[in-house]
Amino acid sequence: PPPFTGVWMGDSKLCAIGVHCGNHITSHGLALNCCTDLTWFEHIVPCGLEGKGVTSLSHELGQHVAVSHVLEPFLDSFQEVFDCALVSPEEPG
């Protein structure tokens, strides 16, 4: 929900999206909680947002959801939404 970035299920963040700029370097990242151990988030204020929680696909769906199950459809959707083509790094050797 605005003004918060990411993907939310109610008051719990499912997917974090971030951009950091500093010292002439821009970095970005994305974290999609598939089967994350959510107990670790009890010790911090996730994303610095008081009163907000964190969830995972496994928790929301009530079954184990592995990263390998969502990676291909996620990347397909990413390419469609951002009108881009993702390339894999070349294998060494």
PDB file of N, CA and C in Angstrom:
ATOM      1  N   PRO A   1       0.841  -1.205   0.000  1.00  0.00           N
ATOM      2  CA  PRO A   1       0.000   0.000   0.000  1.00  0.00           C
ATOM      3  C   PRO A   1       0.872   1.249   0.000  1.00  0.00           C
ATOM      4  N   PRO A   2       0.509   2.277  -0.740  1.00  0.00           N
ATOM      5  CA  PRO A   2       1.301   3.509  -0.716  1.00  0.00           C
ATOM      6  C   PRO A   2       1.366   4.053   0.707  1.00  0.00           C
ATOM      7  N   PRO A   3       2.449   4.573   1.144  1.00  0.00           N
ATOM      8  CA  PRO A   3       3.656   4.861   0.370  1.00  0.00           C
ATOM      9  C   PRO A   3       4.701   3.758   0.439  1.00  0.00           C
ATOM     10  N   PHE A   4       4.336   2.560   0.848  1.00  0.00           N
ATOM     11  CA  PHE A   4       5.302   1.486   1.029  1.00  0.00           C
ATOM     12  C   PHE A   4       5.542   0.734  -0.284  1.00  0.00           C
ATOM     13  N   THR A   5       6.807   0.432  -0.565  1.00  0.00           N
ATOM     14  CA  THR A   5       7.134  -0.329  -1.764  1.00  0.00           C
ATOM     15  C   THR A   5       7.019  -1.817  -1.490  1.00  0.00           C
ATOM     16  N   GLY A   6       7.010  -2.597  -2.532  1.00  0.00           N
ATOM     17  CA  GLY A   6       6.972  -4.045  -2.383  1.00  0.00           C
ATOM     18  C   GLY A   6       5.596  -4.604  -2.661  1.00  0.00           C
ATOM     19  N   VAL A   7       5.471  -5.884  -2.352  1.00  0.00           N
ATOM     20  CA  VAL A   7       4.194  -6.589  -2.509  1.00  0.00           C
ATOM     21  C   VAL A   7       3.713  -6.959  -1.122  1.00  0.00           C
ATOM     22  N   TRP A   8       2.469  -6.652  -0.831  1.00  0.00           N
ATOM     23  CA  TRP A   8       1.925  -6.808   0.520  1.00  0.00           C
ATOM     24  C   TRP A   8       0.728  -7.755   0.531  1.00  0.00           C
ATOM     25  N   MET A   9       0.591  -8.468   1.635  1.00  0.00           N
ATOM     26  CA  MET A   9      -0.604  -9.250   1.953  1.00  0.00           C
ATOM     27  C   MET A   9      -1.123  -8.640   3.251  1.00  0.00           C
ATOM     28  N   GLY A  10      -2.093  -7.755   3.140  1.00  0.00           N
ATOM     29  CA  GLY A  10      -2.562  -7.035   4.325  1.00  0.00           C
ATOM     30  C   GLY A  10      -1.449  -6.148   4.861  1.00  0.00           C
ATOM     31  N   ASP A  11      -1.107  -6.305   6.143  1.00  0.00           N
ATOM     32  CA  ASP A  11      -0.035  -5.526   6.754  1.00  0.00           C
ATOM     33  C   ASP A  11       1.297  -6.274   6.777  1.00  0.00           C
ATOM     34  N   SER A  12       1.420  -7.312   5.974  1.00  0.00           N
ATOM     35  CA  SER A  12       2.648  -8.104   5.944  1.00  0.00           C
ATOM     36  C   SER A  12       3.274  -8.067   4.555  1.00  0.00           C
ATOM     37  N   LYS A  13       4.572  -7.792   4.532  1.00  0.00           N
ATOM     38  CA  LYS A  13       5.306  -7.698   3.268  1.00  0.00           C
ATOM     39  C   LYS A  13       5.690  -9.088   2.776  1.00  0.00           C
ATOM     40  N   LEU A  14       5.394  -9.349   1.520  1.00  0.00           N
ATOM     41  CA  LEU A  14       5.707 -10.619   0.875  1.00  0.00           C
ATOM     42  C   LEU A  14       6.948 -10.489  -0.010  1.00  0.00           C
ATOM     43  N   CYS A  15       7.105  -9.347  -0.634  1.00  0.00           N
ATOM     44  CA  CYS A  15       8.195  -9.128  -1.582  1.00  0.00           C
ATOM     45  C   CYS A  15       8.759  -7.736  -1.366  1.00  0.00           C
ATOM     46  N   ALA A  16      10.054  -7.665  -1.092  1.00  0.00           N
ATOM     47  CA  ALA A  16      10.719  -6.380  -0.867  1.00  0.00           C
ATOM     48  C   ALA A  16      11.456  -5.963  -2.135  1.00  0.00           C
ATOM     49  N   ILE A  17      11.346  -4.688  -2.442  1.00  0.00           N
ATOM     50  CA  ILE A  17      12.024  -4.119  -3.594  1.00  0.00           C
ATOM     51  C   ILE A  17      12.768  -2.888  -3.103  1.00  0.00           C
ATOM     52  N   GLY A  18      14.036  -2.788  -3.434  1.00  0.00           N
ATOM     53  CA  GLY A  18      14.794  -1.653  -2.930  1.00  0.00           C
ATOM     54  C   GLY A  18      15.821  -1.135  -3.912  1.00  0.00           C
ATOM     55  N   VAL A  19      16.119   0.146  -3.766  1.00  0.00           N
ATOM     56  CA  VAL A  19      17.161   0.807  -4.546  1.00  0.00           C
ATOM     57  C   VAL A  19      17.981   1.636  -3.571  1.00  0.00           C
ATOM     58  N   HIS A  20      19.294   1.570  -3.715  1.00  0.00           N
ATOM     59  CA  HIS A  20      20.188   2.362  -2.875  1.00  0.00           C
ATOM     60  C   HIS A  20      21.162   3.109  -3.775  1.00  0.00           C
ATOM     61  N   CYS A  21      21.318   4.391  -3.512  1.00  0.00           N
ATOM     62  CA  CYS A  21      22.262   5.209  -4.274  1.00  0.00           C
ATOM     63  C   CYS A  21      23.240   5.844  -3.301  1.00  0.00           C
ATOM     64  N   GLY A  22      24.513   5.786  -3.624  1.00  0.00           N
ATOM     65  CA  GLY A  22      25.521   6.429  -2.797  1.00  0.00           C
ATOM     66  C   GLY A  22      26.909   6.209  -3.348  1.00  0.00           C
ATOM     67  N   ASN A  23      27.775   7.193  -3.145  1.00  0.00           N
ATOM     68  CA  ASN A  23      29.165   7.123  -3.611  1.00  0.00           C
ATOM     69  C   ASN A  23      29.260   6.766  -5.092  1.00  0.00           C
ATOM     70  N   HIS A  24      28.377   7.354  -5.898  1.00  0.00           N
ATOM     71  CA  HIS A  24      28.363   7.158  -7.346  1.00  0.00           C
ATOM     72  C   HIS A  24      28.055   5.719  -7.758  1.00  0.00           C
ATOM     73  N   ILE A  25      27.406   4.975  -6.860  1.00  0.00           N
ATOM     74  CA  ILE A  25      27.025   3.596  -7.153  1.00  0.00           C
ATOM     75  C   ILE A  25      25.536   3.436  -6.867  1.00  0.00           C
ATOM     76  N   THR A  26      24.832   2.823  -7.791  1.00  0.00           N
ATOM     77  CA  THR A  26      23.420   2.514  -7.595  1.00  0.00           C
ATOM     78  C   THR A  26      23.277   0.999  -7.546  1.00  0.00           C
ATOM     79  N   SER A  27      22.615   0.526  -6.512  1.00  0.00           N
ATOM     80  CA  SER A  27      22.357  -0.907  -6.416  1.00  0.00           C
ATOM     81  C   SER A  27      20.869  -1.113  -6.187  1.00  0.00           C
ATOM     82  N   HIS A  28      20.402  -2.260  -6.570  1.00  0.00           N
ATOM     83  CA  HIS A  28      18.980  -2.563  -6.428  1.00  0.00           C
ATOM     84  C   HIS A  28      18.820  -4.031  -6.082  1.00  0.00           C
ATOM     85  N   GLY A  29      17.673  -4.353  -5.543  1.00  0.00           N
ATOM     86  CA  GLY A  29      17.454  -5.739  -5.169  1.00  0.00           C
ATOM     87  C   GLY A  29      15.989  -6.059  -5.022  1.00  0.00           C
ATOM     88  N   LEU A  30      15.727  -7.341  -4.975  1.00  0.00           N
ATOM     89  CA  LEU A  30      14.375  -7.826  -4.838  1.00  0.00           C
ATOM     90  C   LEU A  30      14.426  -9.109  -4.012  1.00  0.00           C
ATOM     91  N   ALA A  31      13.542  -9.229  -3.055  1.00  0.00           N
ATOM     92  CA  ALA A  31      13.474 -10.437  -2.232  1.00  0.00           C
ATOM     93  C   ALA A  31      12.034 -10.919  -2.196  1.00  0.00           C
ATOM     94  N   LEU A  32      11.805 -12.111  -2.696  1.00  0.00           N
ATOM     95  CA  LEU A  32      10.484 -12.728  -2.669  1.00  0.00           C
ATOM     96  C   LEU A  32      10.532 -13.860  -1.651  1.00  0.00           C
ATOM     97  N   ASN A  33       9.772 -13.730  -0.590  1.00  0.00           N
ATOM     98  CA  ASN A  33       9.768 -14.740   0.472  1.00  0.00           C
ATOM     99  C   ASN A  33       8.936 -15.944   0.041  1.00  0.00           C
ATOM    100  N   CYS A  34       9.630 -17.028  -0.264  1.00  0.00           N
ATOM    101  CA  CYS A  34       8.941 -18.256  -0.681  1.00  0.00           C
ATOM    102  C   CYS A  34       8.725 -19.181   0.511  1.00  0.00           C
ATOM    103  N   CYS A  35       9.812 -19.646   1.096  1.00  0.00           N
ATOM    104  CA  CYS A  35       9.729 -20.574   2.226  1.00  0.00           C
ATOM    105  C   CYS A  35      10.668 -20.098   3.342  1.00  0.00           C
ATOM    106  N   THR A  36      10.683 -18.814   3.549  1.00  0.00           N
ATOM    107  CA  THR A  36      11.556 -18.158   4.518  1.00  0.00           C
ATOM    108  C   THR A  36      11.146 -18.497   5.946  1.00  0.00           C
ATOM    109  N   ASP A  37      12.136 -18.708   6.817  1.00  0.00           N
ATOM    110  CA  ASP A  37      11.879 -18.877   8.252  1.00  0.00           C
ATOM    111  C   ASP A  37      11.539 -17.501   8.818  1.00  0.00           C
ATOM    112  N   LEU A  38      10.259 -17.269   9.038  1.00  0.00           N
ATOM    113  CA  LEU A  38       9.787 -15.943   9.452  1.00  0.00           C
ATOM    114  C   LEU A  38      10.124 -15.593  10.892  1.00  0.00           C
ATOM    115  N   THR A  39      10.568 -16.555  11.697  1.00  0.00           N
ATOM    116  CA  THR A  39      10.874 -16.258  13.100  1.00  0.00           C
ATOM    117  C   THR A  39      12.031 -15.273  13.234  1.00  0.00           C
ATOM    118  N   TRP A  40      12.934 -15.227  12.264  1.00  0.00           N
ATOM    119  CA  TRP A  40      14.051 -14.285  12.326  1.00  0.00           C
ATOM    120  C   TRP A  40      13.563 -12.837  12.317  1.00  0.00           C
ATOM    121  N   PHE A  41      12.428 -12.575  11.692  1.00  0.00           N
ATOM    122  CA  PHE A  41      11.908 -11.215  11.609  1.00  0.00           C
ATOM    123  C   PHE A  41      11.337 -10.720  12.935  1.00  0.00           C
ATOM    124  N   GLU A  42      11.165 -11.618  13.905  1.00  0.00           N
ATOM    125  CA  GLU A  42      10.682 -11.208  15.226  1.00  0.00           C
ATOM    126  C   GLU A  42      11.725 -10.405  15.988  1.00  0.00           C
ATOM    127  N   HIS A  43      12.977 -10.441  15.534  1.00  0.00           N
ATOM    128  CA  HIS A  43      14.078  -9.782  16.237  1.00  0.00           C
ATOM    129  C   HIS A  43      14.453  -8.432  15.646  1.00  0.00           C
ATOM    130  N   ILE A  44      13.783  -8.026  14.580  1.00  0.00           N
ATOM    131  CA  ILE A  44      14.101  -6.767  13.916  1.00  0.00           C
ATOM    132  C   ILE A  44      12.813  -6.029  13.562  1.00  0.00           C
ATOM    133  N   VAL A  45      12.961  -4.803  13.098  1.00  0.00           N
ATOM    134  CA  VAL A  45      11.845  -4.058  12.518  1.00  0.00           C
ATOM    135  C   VAL A  45      12.054  -4.135  11.005  1.00  0.00           C
ATOM    136  N   PRO A  46      11.384  -5.074  10.339  1.00  0.00           N
ATOM    137  CA  PRO A  46      11.629  -5.277   8.913  1.00  0.00           C
ATOM    138  C   PRO A  46      11.419  -4.003   8.098  1.00  0.00           C
ATOM    139  N   CYS A  47      12.403  -3.706   7.282  1.00  0.00           N
ATOM    140  CA  CYS A  47      12.371  -2.532   6.399  1.00  0.00           C
ATOM    141  C   CYS A  47      12.183  -1.236   7.172  1.00  0.00           C
ATOM    142  N   GLY A  48      12.392  -1.266   8.476  1.00  0.00           N
ATOM    143  CA  GLY A  48      12.236  -0.062   9.302  1.00  0.00           C
ATOM    144  C   GLY A  48      10.795   0.384   9.446  1.00  0.00           C
ATOM    145  N   LEU A  49       9.843  -0.502   9.194  1.00  0.00           N
ATOM    146  CA  LEU A  49       8.423  -0.142   9.241  1.00  0.00           C
ATOM    147  C   LEU A  49       7.788  -0.694  10.514  1.00  0.00           C
ATOM    148  N   GLU A  50       7.633   0.160  11.505  1.00  0.00           N
ATOM    149  CA  GLU A  50       7.004  -0.232  12.767  1.00  0.00           C
ATOM    150  C   GLU A  50       5.569  -0.691  12.522  1.00  0.00           C
ATOM    151  N   GLY A  51       5.182  -1.766  13.184  1.00  0.00           N
ATOM    152  CA  GLY A  51       3.807  -2.237  13.112  1.00  0.00           C
ATOM    153  C   GLY A  51       3.454  -3.027  11.872  1.00  0.00           C
ATOM    154  N   LYS A  52       4.442  -3.291  11.022  1.00  0.00           N
ATOM    155  CA  LYS A  52       4.206  -4.082   9.814  1.00  0.00           C
ATOM    156  C   LYS A  52       4.899  -5.426   9.974  1.00  0.00           C
ATOM    157  N   GLY A  53       4.401  -6.435   9.300  1.00  0.00           N
ATOM    158  CA  GLY A  53       4.969  -7.772   9.404  1.00  0.00           C
ATOM    159  C   GLY A  53       5.575  -8.235   8.106  1.00  0.00           C
ATOM    160  N   VAL A  54       5.994  -9.479   8.130  1.00  0.00           N
ATOM    161  CA  VAL A  54       6.575 -10.131   6.957  1.00  0.00           C
ATOM    162  C   VAL A  54       5.859 -11.475   6.804  1.00  0.00           C
ATOM    163  N   THR A  55       5.618 -11.870   5.573  1.00  0.00           N
ATOM    164  CA  THR A  55       4.985 -13.154   5.317  1.00  0.00           C
ATOM    165  C   THR A  55       5.707 -13.861   4.181  1.00  0.00           C
ATOM    166  N   SER A  56       5.284 -15.046   3.864  1.00  0.00           N
ATOM    167  CA  SER A  56       5.883 -15.814   2.776  1.00  0.00           C
ATOM    168  C   SER A  56       4.785 -16.489   1.969  1.00  0.00           C
ATOM    169  N   LEU A  57       5.129 -16.913   0.767  1.00  0.00           N
ATOM    170  CA  LEU A  57       4.170 -17.660  -0.047  1.00  0.00           C
ATOM    171  C   LEU A  57       3.751 -18.942   0.666  1.00  0.00           C
ATOM    172  N   SER A  58       4.724 -19.636   1.290  1.00  0.00           N
ATOM    173  CA  SER A  58       4.397 -20.871   2.006  1.00  0.00           C
ATOM    174  C   SER A  58       3.397 -20.617   3.122  1.00  0.00           C
ATOM    175  N   HIS A  59       3.605 -19.546   3.879  1.00  0.00           N
ATOM    176  CA  HIS A  59       2.697 -19.224   4.985  1.00  0.00           C
ATOM    177  C   HIS A  59       1.308 -18.876   4.453  1.00  0.00           C
ATOM    178  N   GLU A  60       1.249 -18.049   3.440  1.00  0.00           N
ATOM    179  CA  GLU A  60      -0.040 -17.600   2.906  1.00  0.00           C
ATOM    180  C   GLU A  60      -0.824 -18.731   2.239  1.00  0.00           C
ATOM    181  N   LEU A  61      -0.127 -19.660   1.584  1.00  0.00           N
ATOM    182  CA  LEU A  61      -0.802 -20.747   0.873  1.00  0.00           C
ATOM    183  C   LEU A  61      -0.977 -21.996   1.723  1.00  0.00           C
ATOM    184  N   GLY A  62      -0.329 -22.027   2.891  1.00  0.00           N
ATOM    185  CA  GLY A  62      -0.465 -23.174   3.778  1.00  0.00           C
ATOM    186  C   GLY A  62       0.212 -24.433   3.270  1.00  0.00           C
ATOM    187  N   GLN A  63       1.201 -24.271   2.405  1.00  0.00           N
ATOM    188  CA  GLN A  63       1.969 -25.407   1.890  1.00  0.00           C
ATOM    189  C   GLN A  63       3.361 -24.920   1.515  1.00  0.00           C
ATOM    190  N   HIS A  64       4.312 -25.847   1.469  1.00  0.00           N
ATOM    191  CA  HIS A  64       5.685 -25.484   1.136  1.00  0.00           C
ATOM    192  C   HIS A  64       5.782 -25.017  -0.313  1.00  0.00           C
ATOM    193  N   VAL A  65       6.333 -23.836  -0.510  1.00  0.00           N
ATOM    194  CA  VAL A  65       6.554 -23.286  -1.853  1.00  0.00           C
ATOM    195  C   VAL A  65       8.046 -23.022  -1.986  1.00  0.00           C
ATOM    196  N   ALA A  66       8.723 -23.827  -2.780  1.00  0.00           N
ATOM    197  CA  ALA A  66      10.164 -23.681  -2.982  1.00  0.00           C
ATOM    198  C   ALA A  66      10.454 -22.608  -4.037  1.00  0.00           C
ATOM    199  N   VAL A  67      11.614 -22.011  -3.924  1.00  0.00           N
ATOM    200  CA  VAL A  67      12.037 -21.010  -4.908  1.00  0.00           C
ATOM    201  C   VAL A  67      11.985 -21.600  -6.318  1.00  0.00           C
ATOM    202  N   SER A  68      12.406 -22.852  -6.455  1.00  0.00           N
ATOM    203  CA  SER A  68      12.414 -23.491  -7.784  1.00  0.00           C
ATOM    204  C   SER A  68      11.019 -23.564  -8.403  1.00  0.00           C
ATOM    205  N   HIS A  69       9.972 -23.531  -7.588  1.00  0.00           N
ATOM    206  CA  HIS A  69       8.602 -23.589  -8.110  1.00  0.00           C
ATOM    207  C   HIS A  69       8.135 -22.245  -8.673  1.00  0.00           C
ATOM    208  N   VAL A  70       8.698 -21.160  -8.180  1.00  0.00           N
ATOM    209  CA  VAL A  70       8.209 -19.846  -8.590  1.00  0.00           C
ATOM    210  C   VAL A  70       9.178 -19.080  -9.471  1.00  0.00           C
ATOM    211  N   LEU A  71      10.416 -19.550  -9.584  1.00  0.00           N
ATOM    212  CA  LEU A  71      11.437 -18.775 -10.298  1.00  0.00           C
ATOM    213  C   LEU A  71      11.073 -18.521 -11.758  1.00  0.00           C
ATOM    214  N   GLU A  72      10.728 -19.564 -12.507  1.00  0.00           N
ATOM    215  CA  GLU A  72      10.430 -19.371 -13.925  1.00  0.00           C
ATOM    216  C   GLU A  72       9.203 -18.481 -14.155  1.00  0.00           C
ATOM    217  N   PRO A  73       8.062 -18.741 -13.478  1.00  0.00           N
ATOM    218  CA  PRO A  73       6.919 -17.839 -13.703  1.00  0.00           C
ATOM    219  C   PRO A  73       7.197 -16.415 -13.232  1.00  0.00           C
ATOM    220  N   PHE A  74       7.986 -16.268 -12.166  1.00  0.00           N
ATOM    221  CA  PHE A  74       8.336 -14.928 -11.695  1.00  0.00           C
ATOM    222  C   PHE A  74       9.158 -14.193 -12.752  1.00  0.00           C
ATOM    223  N   LEU A  75      10.183 -14.845 -13.283  1.00  0.00           N
ATOM    224  CA  LEU A  75      11.028 -14.206 -14.291  1.00  0.00           C
ATOM    225  C   LEU A  75      10.251 -13.897 -15.566  1.00  0.00           C
ATOM    226  N   ASP A  76       9.339 -14.782 -15.957  1.00  0.00           N
ATOM    227  CA  ASP A  76       8.489 -14.520 -17.124  1.00  0.00           C
ATOM    228  C   ASP A  76       7.642 -13.269 -16.903  1.00  0.00           C
ATOM    229  N   SER A  77       7.039 -13.159 -15.733  1.00  0.00           N
ATOM    230  CA  SER A  77       6.208 -11.991 -15.416  1.00  0.00           C
ATOM    231  C   SER A  77       7.052 -10.722 -15.341  1.00  0.00           C
ATOM    232  N   PHE A  78       8.247 -10.824 -14.770  1.00  0.00           N
ATOM    233  CA  PHE A  78       9.150  -9.678 -14.677  1.00  0.00           C
ATOM    234  C   PHE A  78       9.445  -9.133 -16.074  1.00  0.00           C
ATOM    235  N   GLN A  79       9.776 -10.034 -17.009  1.00  0.00           N
ATOM    236  CA  GLN A  79      10.079  -9.612 -18.384  1.00  0.00           C
ATOM    237  C   GLN A  79       8.876  -8.944 -19.044  1.00  0.00           C
ATOM    238  N   GLU A  80       7.696  -9.482 -18.779  1.00  0.00           N
ATOM    239  CA  GLU A  80       6.488  -8.920 -19.373  1.00  0.00           C
ATOM    240  C   GLU A  80       6.176  -7.537 -18.797  1.00  0.00           C
ATOM    241  N   VAL A  81       6.214  -7.417 -17.485  1.00  0.00           N
ATOM    242  CA  VAL A  81       5.879  -6.144 -16.832  1.00  0.00           C
ATOM    243  C   VAL A  81       6.872  -5.049 -17.197  1.00  0.00           C
ATOM    244  N   PHE A  82       8.159  -5.393 -17.219  1.00  0.00           N
ATOM    245  CA  PHE A  82       9.191  -4.386 -17.465  1.00  0.00           C
ATOM    246  C   PHE A  82       9.629  -4.334 -18.931  1.00  0.00           C
ATOM    247  N   ASP A  83       8.934  -5.082 -19.803  1.00  0.00           N
ATOM    248  CA  ASP A  83       9.198  -5.084 -21.234  1.00  0.00           C
ATOM    249  C   ASP A  83      10.699  -5.197 -21.507  1.00  0.00           C
ATOM    250  N   CYS A  84      11.274  -6.290 -20.996  1.00  0.00           N
ATOM    251  CA  CYS A  84      12.712  -6.489 -21.132  1.00  0.00           C
ATOM    252  C   CYS A  84      13.002  -7.963 -21.370  1.00  0.00           C
ATOM    253  N   ALA A  85      14.240  -8.244 -21.718  1.00  0.00           N
ATOM    254  CA  ALA A  85      14.695  -9.624 -21.872  1.00  0.00           C
ATOM    255  C   ALA A  85      15.797  -9.863 -20.858  1.00  0.00           C
ATOM    256  N   LEU A  86      15.643 -10.874 -20.040  1.00  0.00           N
ATOM    257  CA  LEU A  86      16.658 -11.221 -19.060  1.00  0.00           C
ATOM    258  C   LEU A  86      17.656 -12.180 -19.707  1.00  0.00           C
ATOM    259  N   VAL A  87      18.926 -11.972 -19.414  1.00  0.00           N
ATOM    260  CA  VAL A  87      19.969 -12.856 -19.932  1.00  0.00           C
ATOM    261  C   VAL A  87      20.707 -13.475 -18.760  1.00  0.00           C
ATOM    262  N   SER A  88      21.092 -14.715 -18.917  1.00  0.00           N
ATOM    263  CA  SER A  88      21.851 -15.412 -17.880  1.00  0.00           C
ATOM    264  C   SER A  88      23.332 -15.175 -18.111  1.00  0.00           C
ATOM    265  N   PRO A  89      24.107 -15.106 -17.024  1.00  0.00           N
ATOM    266  CA  PRO A  89      25.553 -14.958 -17.215  1.00  0.00           C
ATOM    267  C   PRO A  89      26.099 -16.230 -17.881  1.00  0.00           C
ATOM    268  N   GLU A  90      27.129 -16.044 -18.646  1.00  0.00           N
ATOM    269  CA  GLU A  90      27.732 -17.202 -19.311  1.00  0.00           C
ATOM    270  C   GLU A  90      28.385 -18.109 -18.279  1.00  0.00           C
ATOM    271  N   GLU A  91      28.320 -19.398 -18.556  1.00  0.00           N
ATOM    272  CA  GLU A  91      28.952 -20.382 -17.691  1.00  0.00           C
ATOM    273  C   GLU A  91      30.474 -20.233 -17.813  1.00  0.00           C
ATOM    274  N   PRO A  92      31.205 -20.274 -16.694  1.00  0.00           N
ATOM    275  CA  PRO A  92      32.662 -20.176 -16.788  1.00  0.00           C
ATOM    276  C   PRO A  92      33.247 -21.408 -17.477  1.00  0.00           C
ATOM    277  N   GLY A  93      34.352 -21.183 -18.221  1.00  0.00           N
ATOM    278  CA  GLY A  93      35.120 -22.265 -18.796  1.00  0.00           C
ATOM    279  C   GLY A  93      34.589 -22.748 -20.067  1.00  0.00           C
TER     280      GLY A  93
END
